[in-house]
Protein backbone atom coordinates (compact mmCIF):
# COMPACT_ATOMS: atom_id res chain seq x y z
CA MET A 1 13.61 107.24 26.89
CA ILE A 2 15.58 109.75 24.84
CA ARG A 3 15.15 113.44 25.76
CA ASN A 4 17.81 115.07 23.58
CA ALA A 5 17.68 114.71 19.79
CA ALA A 6 21.48 114.80 19.66
CA GLU A 7 21.57 111.40 21.39
CA PHE A 8 20.22 109.79 18.21
CA GLY A 9 23.18 111.04 16.18
CA ARG A 10 22.80 111.21 12.41
CA VAL A 11 19.69 109.32 11.32
CA ALA A 12 18.91 107.85 7.89
CA VAL A 13 15.21 107.58 7.11
CA MET A 14 15.16 104.75 4.55
CA PHE A 15 12.20 104.92 2.20
CA GLY A 16 11.28 104.16 -1.39
CA GLY A 17 13.07 100.92 -2.28
CA ILE A 18 12.09 98.61 -5.11
CA SER A 19 8.96 96.81 -3.91
CA ALA A 20 5.41 97.06 -5.25
CA GLU A 21 4.76 99.38 -2.30
CA ARG A 22 7.38 101.95 -3.29
CA GLU A 23 4.94 104.86 -3.67
CA VAL A 24 3.42 104.28 -0.24
CA SER A 25 6.91 103.99 1.24
CA LEU A 26 7.86 107.33 -0.30
CA ASP A 27 4.82 108.94 1.36
CA THR A 28 5.62 107.30 4.69
CA GLY A 29 9.29 108.26 4.57
CA ARG A 30 8.67 111.89 3.68
CA ALA A 31 6.19 112.29 6.52
CA VAL A 32 8.53 110.64 9.04
CA LEU A 33 11.53 112.65 7.83
CA ALA A 34 9.68 115.96 8.21
CA ALA A 35 8.45 114.99 11.68
CA LEU A 36 11.91 114.06 12.92
CA GLN A 37 13.55 117.16 11.45
CA SER A 38 10.91 119.36 13.09
CA GLN A 39 12.02 117.97 16.45
CA GLY A 40 15.67 118.72 15.89
CA VAL A 41 16.76 115.23 14.83
CA ASP A 42 19.64 115.23 12.34
CA ALA A 43 17.65 113.11 9.89
CA VAL A 44 18.38 112.57 6.18
CA GLY A 45 16.31 110.73 3.58
CA TRP A 46 17.91 107.68 1.94
CA ASP A 47 16.37 105.69 -0.90
CA PRO A 48 18.03 102.26 -1.30
CA GLY A 49 16.24 101.94 -4.62
CA GLU A 50 18.50 104.69 -5.95
CA LYS A 51 21.63 104.45 -3.80
CA SER A 52 23.83 101.49 -2.89
CA MET A 53 24.49 100.04 0.54
CA HIS A 54 28.19 100.67 -0.13
CA ASP A 55 27.43 104.39 -0.37
CA PHE A 56 25.27 104.12 2.74
CA ASP A 57 28.12 102.55 4.71
CA GLU A 58 30.33 105.51 3.87
CA ALA A 59 27.72 108.21 4.60
CA GLY A 60 28.35 108.40 8.34
CA PHE A 61 24.95 107.49 9.77
CA ASP A 62 24.45 106.38 13.38
CA ARG A 63 21.08 104.63 13.04
CA VAL A 64 18.19 104.02 10.63
CA TRP A 65 14.46 104.71 10.78
CA ILE A 66 13.20 102.04 8.36
CA ALA A 67 10.22 103.28 6.35
CA LEU A 68 10.45 100.65 3.60
CA HIS A 69 7.33 98.61 2.91
CA GLY A 70 7.12 95.21 1.24
CA THR A 71 9.89 93.04 -0.16
CA GLY A 72 13.42 94.25 0.29
CA GLY A 73 12.48 96.35 3.29
CA GLU A 74 9.92 94.63 5.47
CA ASP A 75 11.07 91.04 4.92
CA GLY A 76 14.36 91.06 6.81
CA ALA A 77 16.58 91.85 3.82
CA VAL A 78 17.54 95.41 4.75
CA GLN A 79 17.60 94.46 8.43
CA GLY A 80 20.21 91.80 7.63
CA ALA A 81 22.32 94.28 5.66
CA LEU A 82 22.16 96.80 8.49
CA GLN A 83 22.99 94.17 11.08
CA TRP A 84 26.03 93.19 8.99
CA LEU A 85 27.10 96.84 9.12
CA ASN A 86 26.49 96.91 12.90
CA MET A 87 23.99 99.72 12.29
CA PRO A 88 21.07 100.12 14.75
CA TYR A 89 17.60 100.32 13.18
CA THR A 90 13.98 100.66 14.19
CA GLY A 91 11.52 97.84 14.68
CA SER A 92 11.81 94.09 14.34
CA GLY A 93 14.96 92.11 13.64
CA VAL A 94 15.88 89.89 10.71
CA MET A 95 14.06 86.67 11.59
CA ALA A 96 10.92 88.32 12.95
CA SER A 97 10.65 90.54 9.88
CA ALA A 98 11.05 87.59 7.53
CA VAL A 99 8.53 85.40 9.36
CA ALA A 100 5.92 88.17 9.67
CA MET A 101 6.23 88.87 5.94
CA ASP A 102 5.72 85.17 5.19
CA LYS A 103 1.97 84.79 5.77
CA ILE A 104 2.09 81.00 5.58
CA ARG A 105 4.74 80.55 8.26
CA SER A 106 3.30 83.24 10.49
CA LYS A 107 -0.15 81.62 10.38
CA ARG A 108 1.39 78.27 11.29
CA LEU A 109 3.02 79.90 14.31
CA PHE A 110 -0.29 81.51 15.30
CA MET A 111 -1.98 78.12 15.14
CA GLU A 112 0.78 76.48 17.15
CA ALA A 113 0.37 79.16 19.82
CA GLY A 114 -3.41 78.73 19.95
CA ILE A 115 -4.13 82.13 18.34
CA ALA A 116 -7.23 81.97 16.12
CA THR A 117 -6.54 82.64 12.44
CA PRO A 118 -8.63 81.81 9.35
CA ASP A 119 -8.12 78.37 7.79
CA PHE A 120 -5.91 78.43 4.71
CA LEU A 121 -4.35 76.32 1.98
CA ILE A 122 -1.24 76.88 -0.12
CA VAL A 123 -1.96 77.69 -3.78
CA GLU A 124 0.63 77.34 -6.54
CA ASP A 125 -1.67 76.99 -9.56
CA ARG A 126 -5.29 76.97 -10.69
CA ALA A 127 -5.78 73.32 -9.73
CA ASP A 128 -4.74 74.12 -6.15
CA ALA A 129 -7.16 77.05 -6.09
CA LYS A 130 -10.03 74.87 -7.29
CA MET A 131 -9.37 72.34 -4.52
CA ALA A 132 -9.10 75.14 -1.96
CA ALA A 133 -12.45 76.55 -3.07
CA GLU A 134 -14.05 73.14 -2.68
CA GLU A 135 -12.69 72.82 0.86
CA LEU A 136 -13.01 76.41 2.11
CA GLY A 137 -16.03 77.54 0.10
CA PHE A 138 -16.95 80.95 -1.34
CA PRO A 139 -16.31 83.77 -0.83
CA LEU A 140 -12.61 83.01 -0.70
CA ILE A 141 -9.58 85.22 -0.16
CA LEU A 142 -6.61 84.69 -2.50
CA LYS A 143 -3.35 86.55 -1.89
CA PRO A 144 0.41 86.26 -2.28
CA SER A 145 2.16 84.81 0.74
CA ASN A 146 4.81 87.53 0.89
CA GLN A 147 3.29 90.89 -0.06
CA GLY A 148 1.73 93.68 1.99
CA SER A 149 -0.86 96.48 1.53
CA SER A 150 -3.25 93.95 -0.06
CA VAL A 151 -1.04 93.84 -3.18
CA GLY A 152 -2.13 90.91 -5.36
CA MET A 153 -5.13 90.12 -3.15
CA SER A 154 -8.64 89.23 -4.37
CA LYS A 155 -11.95 88.32 -2.79
CA VAL A 156 -13.41 85.58 -4.97
CA PHE A 157 -17.17 85.01 -4.97
CA GLU A 158 -17.54 82.24 -7.58
CA ALA A 159 -15.57 79.68 -9.57
CA ALA A 160 -15.53 81.83 -12.71
CA GLU A 161 -13.38 84.41 -10.88
CA LEU A 162 -10.77 81.94 -9.62
CA GLY A 163 -8.45 81.88 -12.65
CA ALA A 164 -7.76 85.62 -12.77
CA ALA A 165 -7.35 85.79 -8.98
CA VAL A 166 -4.84 82.92 -8.98
CA ASP A 167 -2.84 84.49 -11.81
CA LEU A 168 -2.71 87.76 -9.87
CA ALA A 169 -1.73 86.19 -6.54
CA THR A 170 0.93 83.90 -8.00
CA GLY A 171 2.56 86.69 -10.01
CA PHE A 172 5.04 87.31 -7.21
CA SER A 173 7.86 85.21 -5.80
CA GLY A 174 6.73 82.35 -3.59
CA PRO A 175 3.37 80.58 -3.44
CA ALA A 176 -0.01 82.17 -2.92
CA MET A 177 -2.53 81.21 -0.28
CA ALA A 178 -6.26 80.70 -0.19
CA GLU A 179 -7.86 81.79 3.07
CA ARG A 180 -11.33 81.20 4.43
CA CYS A 181 -13.24 84.48 4.23
CA ILE A 182 -14.37 85.69 7.64
CA VAL A 183 -17.47 87.86 7.27
CA GLY A 184 -17.62 90.54 9.94
CA ASN A 185 -15.76 93.54 11.28
CA GLU A 186 -12.23 94.35 10.17
CA MET A 187 -10.16 95.49 13.15
CA THR A 188 -6.56 96.48 13.66
CA ILE A 189 -4.38 97.06 16.73
CA ALA A 190 -1.16 99.05 16.64
CA ILE A 191 1.70 98.06 18.94
CA LEU A 192 4.17 100.66 20.21
CA GLN A 193 7.07 99.78 22.51
CA GLY A 194 5.30 96.69 23.82
CA GLN A 195 1.90 98.32 24.42
CA ALA A 196 -1.29 98.03 22.40
CA LEU A 197 -2.85 101.29 21.21
CA PRO A 198 -6.64 101.77 20.88
CA SER A 199 -8.31 99.49 18.34
CA ILE A 200 -9.60 100.71 14.99
CA CYS A 201 -12.66 99.32 13.22
CA ILE A 202 -12.51 99.73 9.44
CA ASP A 203 -15.55 100.07 7.20
CA THR A 204 -15.15 100.37 3.43
CA PRO A 205 -17.80 100.37 0.69
CA ARG A 206 -15.33 98.52 -1.53
CA VAL A 207 -15.38 94.70 -1.87
CA PHE A 208 -12.68 94.52 0.80
CA TYR A 209 -10.07 96.78 2.42
CA ASP A 210 -7.80 96.81 -0.64
CA TYR A 211 -4.92 99.05 -1.72
CA ARG A 212 -7.22 101.85 -2.91
CA ALA A 213 -9.30 101.73 0.27
CA LYS A 214 -6.13 101.93 2.36
CA TYR A 215 -4.27 104.72 0.58
CA GLU A 216 -6.50 106.57 -1.87
CA ALA A 217 -10.21 106.40 -1.08
CA ASP A 218 -11.88 109.02 1.12
CA SER A 219 -14.96 106.79 1.50
CA THR A 220 -13.29 104.43 3.98
CA GLU A 221 -14.58 105.03 7.51
CA TYR A 222 -12.72 104.39 10.75
CA ARG A 223 -13.84 104.16 14.37
CA CYS A 224 -11.20 104.54 17.05
CA PRO A 225 -11.53 102.98 19.52
CA GLY A 226 -13.16 100.29 17.44
CA THR A 227 -15.22 98.98 20.36
CA ASP A 228 -17.23 100.64 23.12
CA ASP A 229 -16.65 97.73 25.51
CA PRO A 230 -13.52 98.03 27.70
CA ALA A 231 -13.41 94.26 28.25
CA ARG A 232 -13.59 93.63 24.51
CA GLU A 233 -10.93 96.25 23.90
CA ALA A 234 -8.68 94.50 26.41
CA ASP A 235 -9.24 91.16 24.63
CA TYR A 236 -8.12 92.60 21.28
CA ALA A 237 -5.07 94.15 22.92
CA LYS A 238 -4.11 90.88 24.62
CA ILE A 239 -4.41 88.85 21.40
CA ALA A 240 -2.55 91.49 19.38
CA VAL A 241 0.39 91.55 21.78
CA ALA A 242 0.43 87.74 21.84
CA ALA A 243 0.52 87.54 18.02
CA PHE A 244 3.26 90.18 17.91
CA GLU A 245 5.34 88.34 20.48
CA VAL A 246 4.91 84.84 19.04
CA LEU A 247 6.67 86.07 15.89
CA ASP A 248 9.29 87.76 18.13
CA CYS A 249 8.48 91.17 16.67
CA ALA A 250 9.84 94.24 18.42
CA GLY A 251 9.48 97.99 18.69
CA TRP A 252 6.33 98.78 16.76
CA GLY A 253 3.90 97.29 14.29
CA ARG A 254 0.27 96.50 13.64
CA VAL A 255 -1.86 93.36 14.02
CA ASP A 256 -4.83 92.94 11.66
CA PHE A 257 -8.00 91.02 12.54
CA MET A 258 -11.27 89.88 11.08
CA THR A 259 -14.02 89.39 13.66
CA ASP A 260 -16.71 86.86 12.78
CA SER A 261 -20.46 87.22 13.26
CA ASP A 262 -20.19 85.67 16.73
CA GLY A 263 -17.65 88.28 17.79
CA ASN A 264 -14.62 85.99 17.69
CA PRO A 265 -11.37 87.71 16.59
CA HIS A 266 -9.18 85.98 13.99
CA VAL A 267 -5.65 87.28 13.43
CA LEU A 268 -4.84 87.81 9.74
CA GLU A 269 -1.24 89.01 9.94
CA VAL A 270 1.34 91.15 11.68
CA ASN A 271 2.76 94.17 9.85
CA THR A 272 6.24 95.07 11.09
CA ILE A 273 6.48 98.39 9.17
CA PRO A 274 2.95 99.73 8.72
CA GLY A 275 2.20 102.81 6.67
CA MET A 276 2.63 106.28 8.17
CA THR A 277 0.73 108.26 5.52
CA SER A 278 -2.25 110.61 5.89
CA HIS A 279 -4.58 107.59 5.55
CA SER A 280 -2.57 105.31 7.87
CA LEU A 281 -3.84 103.49 10.92
CA VAL A 282 -0.96 103.62 13.39
CA PRO A 283 -0.94 107.46 13.55
CA MET A 284 -4.73 107.35 13.98
CA ALA A 285 -4.50 104.96 16.93
CA ALA A 286 -1.63 106.93 18.44
CA LYS A 287 -3.65 110.15 18.22
CA ALA A 288 -6.51 108.47 20.11
CA ALA A 289 -3.97 107.57 22.80
CA GLY A 290 -2.80 111.19 23.04
CA ILE A 291 0.38 110.70 20.98
CA ASP A 292 0.84 113.15 18.12
CA PHE A 293 2.64 112.24 14.90
CA GLY A 294 5.93 113.82 15.92
CA GLU A 295 6.04 111.97 19.24
CA LEU A 296 5.09 108.74 17.48
CA CYS A 297 7.99 109.03 15.04
CA TRP A 298 10.33 109.91 17.92
CA ARG A 299 9.21 106.91 19.98
CA ILE A 300 9.64 104.58 17.02
CA LEU A 301 13.14 105.99 16.58
CA GLU A 302 13.78 105.11 20.21
CA THR A 303 13.25 101.45 19.30
CA SER A 304 16.57 101.57 17.44
CA ILE A 305 18.20 101.87 20.86
CA ALA A 306 16.60 98.68 22.18
CA ASP A 307 18.12 95.22 21.99
CA GLN A 308 17.15 93.65 18.64
CA SER A 309 18.47 90.15 19.35
CA GLU A 310 16.10 87.36 18.35
CA THR A 311 15.32 84.32 20.42
CA SER A 312 16.27 80.86 19.26
CA HIS A 313 12.83 79.35 19.87
CA VAL A 314 11.25 81.49 17.15
CA GLU A 315 13.98 80.54 14.67
CA ALA A 316 13.48 76.86 15.48
CA ALA A 317 9.70 77.14 15.17
CA ALA A 318 9.96 78.98 11.86
CA ASN A 319 12.31 76.34 10.47
CA ASP A 320 9.90 73.61 11.52
CA ALA A 321 6.91 75.39 9.99
C-alpha cells in the first residue's frame, strides 16, 4: 500500500485514443486525472490518439494509469507497447487484456472452467445469423466479438430485424457473435485488488442496457447492493472473482452477468478497464463499500506496482480456444 504520492513518481493518465469509445474514455480520463491531482499525485493527461508513443517514451513518465476503453487500449495493444518500454501500468497484462476483449475466446474459457455463460455461435454473415436464430431462438443478442460499451450490439426480436443487426455487428474487425438472450436481472460485480465489491442490479426502460443507457440516460436505475441476501451476494462475488481469474486478469475490472428467471447467474464478459464517468458502475460499487472516488483512483494506481506477469496456462488455453 502506497502512503506517499511521491512514491508513484510522474504518472501519465492515458485517455482518449482512437476507438469507438473515445468520448467515454475522455470522460473517464479527465475524472481520474482530477482525482489523482487532488491527492498530490504528479499526474499528467496523455492522449495516444494525438501523440506518438515515441514522444511518450521521451516524456519522462514513471508509470501509467490506463483509462483507454475499447480497441487500442483495452485489448492488450497499449499494454504491449508499455511493456516493451518497461513502463509499469495499471490493471491487466497483455494476454489477459486481449483475451477479455475477445468475447468468443473468453466465453470458451468460462465454459472450460465450468462458469455458466449464455450459449453462443460465431456470426460472419447473414446466413450464419439465420442459422443461429434457428438454433438459439428469439430474442437473440448480436454483437461484435471485440468491442465494449455495447458498441455494435442489438437485441433482435424477429427474423426481419436480423439483417440490420448483422450488418451493424460485423462492421468491426473480427467476427460477430450471436448469444442466447437471458431474460432476467442484469447484474455487475466490480473487482478491486482481488476483492469483489458490492453487486449492482441494473434496470433500464430501454430495450437493453445499451450505450445510451450506460452513459447518457438518467432513466437507468441502479440498486447497490443488487441483492438483499448475503448468501446470494457471496455467490455473485465468488463467480465474479473466478471469471476474473480464469482470464488471468489483474488489479481491477468488472464482471457482467445476466441472471435467469430461476436465479442462475450467467457471466457475459469481463471488462478490464471499465468506465469511471459520472454514470459508471465501479465508482458506485466502491462508494457502497466506503471507498470514495479519490481513494478508488489511488488504489487502482497502486496496481501498477504489482507484478503483471501472466501465467503460461492462460496463454496455452487461449491458443487452444
